[in-house]
Amino acid sequence: MSANEDQEMELEALRSIYEGDESFRELSPVSFQYRIGENGDPKAFLIEISWTETYPQTPPIISMNAFFNNTISSAVKQSILAKLQEAVEVNLGTAMTYTLFEYAKDSKEQLMENHHPVHSAASISNIISVETPNTAPSSKKKDKKEQLSKAQKRKLADKTGLQADVLRRPLVLSLLPGMNTNSQKSKLTQLLTSITKENFLEVGTGLMW
């Protein structure tokens, strides 16, 4: 399967999974933003992921340069990007945008534990209004599908070709923070690349979902 075909399949899955999720924003068919945290949360941050022409065989471009993040210090941003890059290395060659967004959501407190606003006078609500896309009136929102549950997202991802990504995600979340050496990361990568939908239960026995 070519990179373009992989991207088309992943794009279709992302649009279905995040339909109705106001934290998600599609900037273009190859560039996406996700707000980690609720409106008004002082520890909320925004991640932007852009696909290269050869993604997912090559890493995506991950950025935290959005104005939304202007109260976050450079050190904290670099720390978050470094953690995300570790997840990229583990998932290289597979659809990983959903994995990266979900990893950031599940690890938000840990990623922002050293956060101290660099501009205390800045208004978080004003920042959010700049980054959040225009939305239709509330009366029209009723026509949208209800936001999918995690179980529904996993099922949809399985149908649209992201099953390997979804199977790897819980392992990444549970094991990646403890990977301190290249040897450990290498063993984890070998384990993850051996997982398929059919042998997941056998390989993952004893691991927390």
N, C-alpha and C. Protein backbone atom coordinates (compact mmCIF):
# COMPACT_ATOMS: atom_id res chain seq x y z
N MET A 1 0.84 -1.19 0.00
CA MET A 1 0.00 0.00 0.00
C MET A 1 0.88 1.25 0.00
N SER A 2 0.60 2.22 -0.86
CA SER A 2 1.41 3.43 -0.97
C SER A 2 1.13 4.36 0.20
N ALA A 3 2.06 5.34 0.37
CA ALA A 3 1.89 6.31 1.45
C ALA A 3 0.59 7.08 1.29
N ASN A 4 0.25 7.44 0.05
CA ASN A 4 -0.99 8.17 -0.20
C ASN A 4 -2.21 7.36 0.19
N GLU A 5 -2.19 6.08 -0.11
CA GLU A 5 -3.31 5.22 0.25
C GLU A 5 -3.43 5.08 1.76
N ASP A 6 -2.27 4.95 2.44
CA ASP A 6 -2.27 4.89 3.90
C ASP A 6 -2.87 6.17 4.49
N GLN A 7 -2.48 7.30 3.92
CA GLN A 7 -2.96 8.58 4.44
C GLN A 7 -4.45 8.77 4.19
N GLU A 8 -4.93 8.35 3.03
CA GLU A 8 -6.35 8.47 2.73
C GLU A 8 -7.18 7.64 3.71
N MET A 9 -6.68 6.44 4.02
CA MET A 9 -7.40 5.57 4.95
C MET A 9 -7.40 6.16 6.36
N GLU A 10 -6.25 6.69 6.78
CA GLU A 10 -6.16 7.28 8.11
C GLU A 10 -7.01 8.55 8.21
N LEU A 11 -7.02 9.35 7.16
CA LEU A 11 -7.82 10.57 7.15
C LEU A 11 -9.31 10.24 7.32
N GLU A 12 -9.76 9.21 6.62
CA GLU A 12 -11.16 8.79 6.73
C GLU A 12 -11.48 8.37 8.16
N ALA A 13 -10.56 7.63 8.77
CA ALA A 13 -10.77 7.18 10.15
C ALA A 13 -10.79 8.34 11.13
N LEU A 14 -9.86 9.28 10.98
CA LEU A 14 -9.80 10.43 11.89
C LEU A 14 -11.07 11.26 11.81
N ARG A 15 -11.57 11.47 10.59
CA ARG A 15 -12.79 12.26 10.43
C ARG A 15 -13.98 11.58 11.11
N SER A 16 -14.03 10.27 11.03
CA SER A 16 -15.13 9.53 11.65
C SER A 16 -14.99 9.49 13.17
N ILE A 17 -13.77 9.23 13.64
CA ILE A 17 -13.53 9.11 15.08
C ILE A 17 -13.78 10.42 15.81
N TYR A 18 -13.32 11.53 15.23
CA TYR A 18 -13.38 12.80 15.93
C TYR A 18 -14.55 13.69 15.48
N GLU A 19 -15.48 13.13 14.72
CA GLU A 19 -16.65 13.91 14.32
C GLU A 19 -17.41 14.37 15.56
N GLY A 20 -17.67 15.66 15.64
CA GLY A 20 -18.39 16.19 16.79
C GLY A 20 -17.50 16.54 17.96
N ASP A 21 -16.22 16.21 17.89
CA ASP A 21 -15.27 16.52 18.96
C ASP A 21 -14.70 17.92 18.70
N GLU A 22 -15.09 18.90 19.52
CA GLU A 22 -14.69 20.28 19.29
C GLU A 22 -13.21 20.51 19.57
N SER A 23 -12.54 19.56 20.20
CA SER A 23 -11.11 19.70 20.46
C SER A 23 -10.28 19.41 19.21
N PHE A 24 -10.89 18.72 18.26
CA PHE A 24 -10.19 18.32 17.03
C PHE A 24 -10.45 19.32 15.92
N ARG A 25 -9.39 19.60 15.17
CA ARG A 25 -9.53 20.52 14.04
C ARG A 25 -8.68 20.03 12.87
N GLU A 26 -9.30 19.87 11.72
CA GLU A 26 -8.59 19.49 10.50
C GLU A 26 -8.20 20.77 9.76
N LEU A 27 -6.91 21.09 9.77
CA LEU A 27 -6.43 22.29 9.09
C LEU A 27 -6.36 22.07 7.59
N SER A 28 -6.03 20.85 7.20
CA SER A 28 -5.96 20.43 5.80
C SER A 28 -6.01 18.91 5.81
N PRO A 29 -6.09 18.27 4.65
CA PRO A 29 -6.13 16.80 4.65
C PRO A 29 -4.86 16.14 5.19
N VAL A 30 -3.81 16.94 5.45
CA VAL A 30 -2.57 16.36 5.98
C VAL A 30 -2.09 17.08 7.23
N SER A 31 -2.93 17.92 7.82
CA SER A 31 -2.52 18.68 9.01
C SER A 31 -3.69 18.79 9.98
N PHE A 32 -3.41 18.49 11.28
CA PHE A 32 -4.47 18.40 12.26
C PHE A 32 -4.04 19.01 13.60
N GLN A 33 -5.00 19.56 14.32
CA GLN A 33 -4.76 20.07 15.66
C GLN A 33 -5.68 19.37 16.64
N TYR A 34 -5.19 19.23 17.88
CA TYR A 34 -6.06 18.71 18.93
C TYR A 34 -5.75 19.46 20.22
N ARG A 35 -6.81 19.95 20.86
CA ARG A 35 -6.65 20.63 22.14
C ARG A 35 -6.71 19.61 23.26
N ILE A 36 -5.66 19.53 24.04
CA ILE A 36 -5.59 18.62 25.17
C ILE A 36 -6.05 19.37 26.41
N GLY A 37 -7.19 19.01 26.96
CA GLY A 37 -7.75 19.72 28.11
C GLY A 37 -8.99 20.50 27.71
N GLU A 38 -9.81 20.80 28.71
CA GLU A 38 -11.06 21.50 28.46
C GLU A 38 -10.85 23.01 28.37
N ASN A 39 -11.84 23.70 27.83
CA ASN A 39 -11.80 25.16 27.79
C ASN A 39 -11.63 25.71 29.21
N GLY A 40 -10.72 26.65 29.37
CA GLY A 40 -10.50 27.26 30.68
C GLY A 40 -9.52 26.52 31.56
N ASP A 41 -9.09 25.34 31.14
CA ASP A 41 -8.11 24.57 31.91
C ASP A 41 -6.74 25.24 31.77
N PRO A 42 -6.13 25.69 32.88
CA PRO A 42 -4.82 26.36 32.78
C PRO A 42 -3.70 25.45 32.29
N LYS A 43 -3.94 24.14 32.29
CA LYS A 43 -2.94 23.20 31.82
C LYS A 43 -3.28 22.65 30.43
N ALA A 44 -4.25 23.23 29.79
CA ALA A 44 -4.61 22.80 28.43
C ALA A 44 -3.51 23.21 27.46
N PHE A 45 -3.30 22.40 26.44
CA PHE A 45 -2.33 22.75 25.41
C PHE A 45 -2.80 22.19 24.07
N LEU A 46 -2.19 22.66 23.00
CA LEU A 46 -2.62 22.31 21.66
C LEU A 46 -1.47 21.69 20.87
N ILE A 47 -1.74 20.55 20.26
CA ILE A 47 -0.75 19.84 19.46
C ILE A 47 -1.16 19.93 17.99
N GLU A 48 -0.19 20.18 17.13
CA GLU A 48 -0.45 20.17 15.70
C GLU A 48 0.42 19.09 15.05
N ILE A 49 -0.19 18.23 14.28
CA ILE A 49 0.51 17.14 13.59
C ILE A 49 0.30 17.29 12.09
N SER A 50 1.41 17.30 11.35
CA SER A 50 1.35 17.41 9.89
C SER A 50 2.06 16.22 9.26
N TRP A 51 1.46 15.67 8.22
CA TRP A 51 2.04 14.51 7.55
C TRP A 51 2.97 14.95 6.42
N THR A 52 4.10 14.29 6.31
CA THR A 52 4.99 14.49 5.17
C THR A 52 4.47 13.65 4.01
N GLU A 53 5.06 13.81 2.83
CA GLU A 53 4.61 13.04 1.66
C GLU A 53 4.78 11.55 1.86
N THR A 54 5.76 11.16 2.67
CA THR A 54 6.06 9.73 2.85
C THR A 54 5.57 9.19 4.20
N TYR A 55 4.83 10.00 4.96
CA TYR A 55 4.22 9.50 6.19
C TYR A 55 3.24 8.38 5.83
N PRO A 56 3.12 7.30 6.60
CA PRO A 56 3.69 7.03 7.93
C PRO A 56 5.05 6.31 7.93
N GLN A 57 5.63 6.12 6.74
CA GLN A 57 6.94 5.49 6.70
C GLN A 57 8.01 6.42 7.27
N THR A 58 7.75 7.71 7.26
CA THR A 58 8.63 8.69 7.88
C THR A 58 7.82 9.44 8.93
N PRO A 59 8.49 10.03 9.92
CA PRO A 59 7.77 10.68 11.03
C PRO A 59 6.95 11.88 10.58
N PRO A 60 5.84 12.13 11.27
CA PRO A 60 5.08 13.35 11.02
C PRO A 60 5.79 14.53 11.67
N ILE A 61 5.38 15.73 11.32
CA ILE A 61 5.92 16.94 11.95
C ILE A 61 4.99 17.33 13.09
N ILE A 62 5.53 17.41 14.30
CA ILE A 62 4.73 17.74 15.48
C ILE A 62 5.13 19.13 15.96
N SER A 63 4.14 19.98 16.17
CA SER A 63 4.43 21.36 16.56
C SER A 63 3.56 21.79 17.74
N MET A 64 4.14 22.68 18.56
CA MET A 64 3.38 23.33 19.63
C MET A 64 3.53 24.85 19.51
N ASN A 65 3.66 25.33 18.28
CA ASN A 65 3.89 26.75 18.04
C ASN A 65 2.60 27.57 17.98
N ALA A 66 1.46 26.94 18.15
CA ALA A 66 0.19 27.66 18.06
C ALA A 66 0.10 28.71 19.17
N PHE A 67 -0.59 29.81 18.88
CA PHE A 67 -0.76 30.90 19.85
C PHE A 67 -1.41 30.40 21.14
N PHE A 68 -2.22 29.38 21.01
CA PHE A 68 -2.88 28.79 22.18
C PHE A 68 -1.87 28.44 23.27
N ASN A 69 -0.65 28.07 22.87
CA ASN A 69 0.37 27.60 23.82
C ASN A 69 1.30 28.71 24.31
N ASN A 70 0.91 29.98 24.13
CA ASN A 70 1.86 31.04 24.44
C ASN A 70 2.13 31.25 25.92
N THR A 71 1.37 30.60 26.79
CA THR A 71 1.66 30.69 28.22
C THR A 71 2.52 29.52 28.70
N ILE A 72 2.89 28.64 27.80
CA ILE A 72 3.71 27.48 28.16
C ILE A 72 5.17 27.76 27.86
N SER A 73 6.03 27.48 28.80
CA SER A 73 7.46 27.76 28.61
C SER A 73 8.05 26.87 27.52
N SER A 74 9.16 27.33 26.95
CA SER A 74 9.84 26.55 25.91
C SER A 74 10.31 25.21 26.45
N ALA A 75 10.74 25.19 27.72
CA ALA A 75 11.23 23.95 28.32
C ALA A 75 10.13 22.90 28.40
N VAL A 76 8.94 23.32 28.81
CA VAL A 76 7.81 22.38 28.91
C VAL A 76 7.40 21.90 27.52
N LYS A 77 7.36 22.81 26.56
CA LYS A 77 7.02 22.42 25.19
C LYS A 77 8.00 21.37 24.66
N GLN A 78 9.29 21.62 24.86
CA GLN A 78 10.31 20.69 24.39
C GLN A 78 10.18 19.33 25.07
N SER A 79 9.82 19.34 26.35
CA SER A 79 9.63 18.08 27.08
C SER A 79 8.46 17.29 26.50
N ILE A 80 7.36 17.98 26.21
CA ILE A 80 6.19 17.31 25.63
C ILE A 80 6.52 16.76 24.25
N LEU A 81 7.21 17.56 23.44
CA LEU A 81 7.57 17.12 22.09
C LEU A 81 8.51 15.91 22.14
N ALA A 82 9.40 15.88 23.12
CA ALA A 82 10.33 14.76 23.25
C ALA A 82 9.57 13.47 23.58
N LYS A 83 8.57 13.57 24.47
CA LYS A 83 7.77 12.39 24.81
C LYS A 83 6.97 11.91 23.60
N LEU A 84 6.43 12.84 22.86
CA LEU A 84 5.67 12.47 21.66
C LEU A 84 6.58 11.85 20.61
N GLN A 85 7.81 12.34 20.53
CA GLN A 85 8.76 11.78 19.57
C GLN A 85 9.09 10.33 19.91
N GLU A 86 9.14 10.01 21.19
CA GLU A 86 9.38 8.62 21.60
C GLU A 86 8.24 7.73 21.10
N ALA A 87 7.01 8.24 21.21
CA ALA A 87 5.86 7.48 20.71
C ALA A 87 5.91 7.33 19.20
N VAL A 88 6.40 8.36 18.52
CA VAL A 88 6.54 8.30 17.06
C VAL A 88 7.50 7.17 16.68
N GLU A 89 8.63 7.08 17.36
CA GLU A 89 9.63 6.07 17.04
C GLU A 89 9.07 4.66 17.22
N VAL A 90 8.25 4.48 18.24
CA VAL A 90 7.65 3.16 18.49
C VAL A 90 6.65 2.79 17.40
N ASN A 91 5.94 3.79 16.89
CA ASN A 91 4.84 3.53 15.94
C ASN A 91 5.21 3.81 14.48
N LEU A 92 6.47 4.08 14.20
CA LEU A 92 6.87 4.44 12.85
C LEU A 92 6.47 3.34 11.86
N GLY A 93 5.89 3.75 10.75
CA GLY A 93 5.44 2.80 9.75
C GLY A 93 3.96 2.46 9.85
N THR A 94 3.30 2.95 10.90
CA THR A 94 1.87 2.70 11.09
C THR A 94 1.14 4.02 11.27
N ALA A 95 -0.18 4.00 11.08
CA ALA A 95 -1.01 5.18 11.32
C ALA A 95 -0.90 5.56 12.79
N MET A 96 -0.45 6.77 13.10
CA MET A 96 -0.17 7.09 14.49
C MET A 96 -0.78 8.39 15.00
N THR A 97 -1.49 9.14 14.17
CA THR A 97 -2.03 10.43 14.61
C THR A 97 -3.00 10.24 15.78
N TYR A 98 -3.89 9.29 15.66
CA TYR A 98 -4.83 8.99 16.74
C TYR A 98 -4.07 8.58 18.00
N THR A 99 -3.04 7.75 17.85
CA THR A 99 -2.25 7.30 18.98
C THR A 99 -1.59 8.48 19.70
N LEU A 100 -1.02 9.40 18.94
CA LEU A 100 -0.32 10.53 19.54
C LEU A 100 -1.29 11.45 20.28
N PHE A 101 -2.43 11.73 19.68
CA PHE A 101 -3.42 12.58 20.36
C PHE A 101 -3.92 11.91 21.64
N GLU A 102 -4.23 10.62 21.56
CA GLU A 102 -4.76 9.93 22.73
C GLU A 102 -3.69 9.77 23.82
N TYR A 103 -2.44 9.56 23.41
CA TYR A 103 -1.35 9.48 24.39
C TYR A 103 -1.22 10.80 25.13
N ALA A 104 -1.30 11.92 24.42
CA ALA A 104 -1.20 13.23 25.06
C ALA A 104 -2.38 13.47 26.00
N LYS A 105 -3.57 13.03 25.59
CA LYS A 105 -4.75 13.20 26.45
C LYS A 105 -4.60 12.41 27.75
N ASP A 106 -4.17 11.14 27.62
CA ASP A 106 -4.05 10.28 28.79
C ASP A 106 -2.88 10.67 29.69
N SER A 107 -1.88 11.36 29.14
CA SER A 107 -0.68 11.72 29.90
C SER A 107 -0.62 13.21 30.23
N LYS A 108 -1.73 13.90 30.09
CA LYS A 108 -1.74 15.36 30.23
C LYS A 108 -1.13 15.84 31.55
N GLU A 109 -1.54 15.28 32.65
CA GLU A 109 -1.04 15.74 33.94
C GLU A 109 0.46 15.55 34.07
N GLN A 110 0.94 14.42 33.62
CA GLN A 110 2.38 14.14 33.67
C GLN A 110 3.15 15.09 32.74
N LEU A 111 2.62 15.31 31.56
CA LEU A 111 3.30 16.16 30.59
C LEU A 111 3.36 17.62 31.05
N MET A 112 2.35 18.05 31.81
CA MET A 112 2.28 19.44 32.24
C MET A 112 2.62 19.64 33.71
N GLU A 113 3.25 18.66 34.34
CA GLU A 113 3.49 18.76 35.78
C GLU A 113 4.43 19.91 36.15
N ASN A 114 5.30 20.31 35.24
CA ASN A 114 6.23 21.41 35.51
C ASN A 114 5.78 22.73 34.90
N HIS A 115 4.53 22.79 34.50
CA HIS A 115 4.03 24.00 33.83
C HIS A 115 3.76 25.12 34.82
N HIS A 116 4.31 26.28 34.53
CA HIS A 116 4.01 27.51 35.26
C HIS A 116 3.83 28.60 34.20
N PRO A 117 2.64 29.17 34.11
CA PRO A 117 2.36 30.15 33.05
C PRO A 117 3.45 31.22 32.96
N VAL A 118 3.93 31.47 31.76
CA VAL A 118 4.98 32.47 31.58
C VAL A 118 4.40 33.87 31.43
N HIS A 119 3.08 33.97 31.17
CA HIS A 119 2.41 35.27 31.09
C HIS A 119 1.14 35.15 31.92
N SER A 120 1.24 35.38 33.21
CA SER A 120 0.11 35.17 34.10
C SER A 120 -1.08 36.06 33.78
N ALA A 121 -0.83 37.21 33.10
CA ALA A 121 -1.92 38.13 32.80
C ALA A 121 -2.71 37.72 31.57
N ALA A 122 -2.19 36.76 30.82
CA ALA A 122 -2.88 36.34 29.59
C ALA A 122 -4.19 35.67 29.93
N SER A 123 -5.16 35.89 29.12
CA SER A 123 -6.48 35.29 29.33
C SER A 123 -6.59 34.01 28.54
N ILE A 124 -6.77 32.91 29.26
CA ILE A 124 -6.91 31.61 28.59
C ILE A 124 -8.14 31.61 27.68
N SER A 125 -9.23 32.26 28.13
CA SER A 125 -10.44 32.26 27.32
C SER A 125 -10.23 32.99 26.02
N ASN A 126 -9.43 34.07 26.04
CA ASN A 126 -9.16 34.80 24.81
C ASN A 126 -8.32 33.97 23.85
N ILE A 127 -7.35 33.24 24.40
CA ILE A 127 -6.50 32.39 23.58
C ILE A 127 -7.34 31.32 22.90
N ILE A 128 -8.25 30.74 23.66
CA ILE A 128 -9.08 29.67 23.12
C ILE A 128 -9.94 30.20 21.97
N SER A 129 -10.44 31.42 22.10
CA SER A 129 -11.29 31.97 21.05
C SER A 129 -10.53 32.16 19.75
N VAL A 130 -9.21 32.37 19.84
CA VAL A 130 -8.40 32.53 18.63
C VAL A 130 -8.19 31.20 17.95
N GLU A 131 -7.96 30.15 18.72
CA GLU A 131 -7.61 28.85 18.15
C GLU A 131 -8.81 28.00 17.77
N THR A 132 -9.96 28.23 18.41
CA THR A 132 -11.11 27.38 18.16
C THR A 132 -11.80 27.81 16.88
N PRO A 133 -12.03 26.89 15.93
CA PRO A 133 -12.67 27.25 14.67
C PRO A 133 -14.11 27.67 14.87
N ASN A 134 -14.63 28.42 13.91
CA ASN A 134 -16.02 28.82 13.98
C ASN A 134 -16.91 27.61 13.95
N THR A 135 -17.93 27.62 14.79
CA THR A 135 -18.84 26.47 14.84
C THR A 135 -20.24 26.93 14.45
N ALA A 136 -21.03 25.99 14.00
CA ALA A 136 -22.39 26.30 13.59
C ALA A 136 -23.24 26.59 14.82
N PRO A 137 -24.36 27.28 14.67
CA PRO A 137 -25.27 27.53 15.79
C PRO A 137 -25.67 26.23 16.45
N SER A 138 -26.01 26.32 17.74
CA SER A 138 -26.32 25.12 18.50
C SER A 138 -27.46 24.32 17.90
N SER A 139 -28.38 25.02 17.22
CA SER A 139 -29.52 24.31 16.64
C SER A 139 -29.08 23.35 15.55
N LYS A 140 -27.97 23.69 14.85
CA LYS A 140 -27.48 22.83 13.78
C LYS A 140 -26.64 21.68 14.32
N LYS A 141 -26.05 21.89 15.50
CA LYS A 141 -25.20 20.84 16.06
C LYS A 141 -25.99 19.58 16.37
N LYS A 142 -27.29 19.74 16.54
CA LYS A 142 -28.10 18.58 16.88
C LYS A 142 -28.10 17.55 15.76
N ASP A 143 -27.79 18.02 14.53
CA ASP A 143 -27.80 17.11 13.39
C ASP A 143 -26.57 16.23 13.36
N LYS A 144 -25.52 16.59 14.11
CA LYS A 144 -24.29 15.80 14.11
C LYS A 144 -24.47 14.53 14.93
N LYS A 145 -23.64 13.56 14.60
CA LYS A 145 -23.67 12.33 15.36
C LYS A 145 -23.15 12.58 16.77
N GLU A 146 -23.61 11.79 17.72
CA GLU A 146 -23.07 11.90 19.06
C GLU A 146 -21.61 11.47 19.04
N GLN A 147 -20.81 12.07 19.93
CA GLN A 147 -19.38 11.75 19.98
C GLN A 147 -19.20 10.28 20.33
N LEU A 148 -18.30 9.63 19.64
CA LEU A 148 -18.09 8.21 19.84
C LEU A 148 -17.42 7.93 21.17
N SER A 149 -17.78 6.79 21.76
CA SER A 149 -17.10 6.35 22.97
C SER A 149 -15.76 5.74 22.57
N LYS A 150 -14.89 5.46 23.55
CA LYS A 150 -13.60 4.86 23.24
C LYS A 150 -13.78 3.50 22.58
N ALA A 151 -14.77 2.74 23.05
CA ALA A 151 -15.01 1.42 22.47
C ALA A 151 -15.44 1.54 21.02
N GLN A 152 -16.29 2.53 20.74
CA GLN A 152 -16.75 2.74 19.36
C GLN A 152 -15.61 3.21 18.47
N LYS A 153 -14.72 4.05 19.04
CA LYS A 153 -13.57 4.51 18.27
C LYS A 153 -12.67 3.35 17.90
N ARG A 154 -12.44 2.44 18.87
CA ARG A 154 -11.60 1.27 18.58
C ARG A 154 -12.22 0.43 17.48
N LYS A 155 -13.56 0.23 17.54
CA LYS A 155 -14.24 -0.58 16.54
C LYS A 155 -14.14 0.06 15.17
N LEU A 156 -14.32 1.38 15.11
CA LEU A 156 -14.23 2.09 13.84
C LEU A 156 -12.81 2.05 13.29
N ALA A 157 -11.85 2.23 14.16
CA ALA A 157 -10.46 2.18 13.72
C ALA A 157 -10.12 0.83 13.13
N ASP A 158 -10.69 -0.22 13.72
CA ASP A 158 -10.45 -1.58 13.23
C ASP A 158 -11.01 -1.73 11.81
N LYS A 159 -12.17 -1.13 11.57
CA LYS A 159 -12.81 -1.26 10.26
C LYS A 159 -12.09 -0.45 9.18
N THR A 160 -11.43 0.63 9.58
CA THR A 160 -10.84 1.53 8.60
C THR A 160 -9.33 1.37 8.48
N GLY A 161 -8.79 0.29 9.01
CA GLY A 161 -7.38 0.01 8.78
C GLY A 161 -6.44 0.49 9.86
N LEU A 162 -6.97 0.94 11.00
CA LEU A 162 -6.10 1.43 12.06
C LEU A 162 -5.99 0.43 13.20
N GLN A 163 -6.32 -0.84 12.94
CA GLN A 163 -6.32 -1.80 14.04
C GLN A 163 -4.94 -1.94 14.68
N ALA A 164 -3.88 -1.91 13.89
CA ALA A 164 -2.54 -2.04 14.47
C ALA A 164 -2.25 -0.86 15.39
N ASP A 165 -2.69 0.34 14.98
CA ASP A 165 -2.49 1.54 15.78
C ASP A 165 -3.22 1.43 17.11
N VAL A 166 -4.48 0.98 17.06
CA VAL A 166 -5.29 0.90 18.27
C VAL A 166 -4.76 -0.19 19.20
N LEU A 167 -4.29 -1.30 18.65
CA LEU A 167 -3.75 -2.36 19.48
C LEU A 167 -2.47 -1.92 20.18
N ARG A 168 -1.68 -1.11 19.49
CA ARG A 168 -0.42 -0.67 20.08
C ARG A 168 -0.61 0.39 21.16
N ARG A 169 -1.65 1.22 21.03
CA ARG A 169 -1.77 2.39 21.88
C ARG A 169 -1.72 2.08 23.37
N PRO A 170 -2.54 1.12 23.89
CA PRO A 170 -2.48 0.87 25.33
C PRO A 170 -1.11 0.38 25.78
N LEU A 171 -0.40 -0.36 24.90
CA LEU A 171 0.94 -0.80 25.27
C LEU A 171 1.90 0.37 25.34
N VAL A 172 1.75 1.29 24.41
CA VAL A 172 2.60 2.48 24.42
C VAL A 172 2.37 3.27 25.70
N LEU A 173 1.09 3.46 26.06
CA LEU A 173 0.76 4.26 27.23
C LEU A 173 1.27 3.62 28.52
N SER A 174 1.20 2.30 28.61
CA SER A 174 1.60 1.63 29.84
C SER A 174 3.09 1.38 29.94
N LEU A 175 3.77 1.24 28.78
CA LEU A 175 5.17 0.86 28.82
C LEU A 175 6.13 1.97 28.47
N LEU A 176 5.71 2.91 27.62
CA LEU A 176 6.63 3.94 27.13
C LEU A 176 7.24 4.78 28.24
N PRO A 177 6.46 5.22 29.29
CA PRO A 177 7.08 6.05 30.32
C PRO A 177 8.24 5.38 31.04
N GLY A 178 8.28 4.05 31.05
CA GLY A 178 9.35 3.35 31.76
C GLY A 178 10.53 2.98 30.89
N MET A 179 10.49 3.37 29.62
CA MET A 179 11.57 3.01 28.71
C MET A 179 12.74 3.99 28.89
N ASN A 180 13.75 3.60 29.64
CA ASN A 180 14.86 4.49 29.95
C ASN A 180 16.12 4.19 29.16
N THR A 181 16.19 3.02 28.52
CA THR A 181 17.40 2.65 27.79
C THR A 181 17.03 2.26 26.37
N ASN A 182 18.02 2.34 25.49
CA ASN A 182 17.79 1.95 24.09
C ASN A 182 17.43 0.49 24.00
N SER A 183 18.01 -0.33 24.88
CA SER A 183 17.73 -1.77 24.87
C SER A 183 16.27 -2.03 25.18
N GLN A 184 15.72 -1.31 26.20
CA GLN A 184 14.32 -1.49 26.55
C GLN A 184 13.41 -1.05 25.42
N LYS A 185 13.75 0.08 24.79
CA LYS A 185 12.92 0.57 23.69
C LYS A 185 12.95 -0.39 22.52
N SER A 186 14.13 -0.99 22.28
CA SER A 186 14.27 -1.93 21.17
C SER A 186 13.39 -3.16 21.40
N LYS A 187 13.41 -3.67 22.66
CA LYS A 187 12.58 -4.83 22.97
C LYS A 187 11.10 -4.50 22.81
N LEU A 188 10.70 -3.28 23.26
CA LEU A 188 9.31 -2.87 23.14
C LEU A 188 8.89 -2.78 21.68
N THR A 189 9.77 -2.21 20.86
CA THR A 189 9.47 -2.08 19.43
C THR A 189 9.28 -3.44 18.78
N GLN A 190 10.16 -4.41 19.14
CA GLN A 190 10.05 -5.76 18.58
C GLN A 190 8.73 -6.39 18.97
N LEU A 191 8.29 -6.16 20.24
CA LEU A 191 7.03 -6.73 20.70
C LEU A 191 5.86 -6.12 19.94
N LEU A 192 5.88 -4.78 19.80
CA LEU A 192 4.76 -4.11 19.17
C LEU A 192 4.62 -4.47 17.70
N THR A 193 5.74 -4.56 17.01
CA THR A 193 5.69 -4.88 15.58
C THR A 193 5.24 -6.31 15.31
N SER A 194 5.27 -7.14 16.35
CA SER A 194 4.84 -8.53 16.16
C SER A 194 3.34 -8.70 16.37
N ILE A 195 2.69 -7.63 16.84
CA ILE A 195 1.27 -7.74 17.18
C ILE A 195 0.40 -7.60 15.94
N THR A 196 -0.55 -8.49 15.83
CA THR A 196 -1.60 -8.38 14.81
C THR A 196 -2.93 -8.50 15.53
N LYS A 197 -4.00 -8.25 14.79
CA LYS A 197 -5.32 -8.37 15.41
C LYS A 197 -5.55 -9.79 15.92
N GLU A 198 -5.04 -10.77 15.18
CA GLU A 198 -5.31 -12.16 15.52
C GLU A 198 -4.53 -12.63 16.75
N ASN A 199 -3.29 -12.16 16.90
CA ASN A 199 -2.49 -12.70 18.00
C ASN A 199 -2.41 -11.75 19.18
N PHE A 200 -3.21 -10.64 19.18
CA PHE A 200 -3.09 -9.64 20.22
C PHE A 200 -3.34 -10.21 21.60
N LEU A 201 -4.41 -11.01 21.75
CA LEU A 201 -4.72 -11.56 23.06
C LEU A 201 -3.61 -12.45 23.59
N GLU A 202 -2.98 -13.21 22.67
CA GLU A 202 -1.89 -14.10 23.08
C GLU A 202 -0.67 -13.30 23.49
N VAL A 203 -0.27 -12.30 22.65
CA VAL A 203 0.91 -11.51 22.93
C VAL A 203 0.69 -10.63 24.14
N GLY A 204 -0.54 -10.10 24.27
CA GLY A 204 -0.79 -9.12 25.32
C GLY A 204 -1.27 -9.69 26.63
N THR A 205 -1.29 -11.02 26.81
CA THR A 205 -1.74 -11.61 28.05
C THR A 205 -0.92 -11.07 29.21
N GLY A 206 -1.61 -10.61 30.22
CA GLY A 206 -0.94 -10.09 31.41
C GLY A 206 -0.70 -8.60 31.36
N LEU A 207 -0.92 -7.96 30.18
CA LEU A 207 -0.74 -6.51 30.08
C LEU A 207 -2.08 -5.83 30.30
N MET A 208 -2.05 -4.65 30.91
CA MET A 208 -3.28 -3.90 31.19
C MET A 208 -3.80 -3.25 29.94
N TRP A 209 -5.06 -3.41 29.65
CA TRP A 209 -5.69 -2.76 28.49
C TRP A 209 -5.88 -1.29 28.80
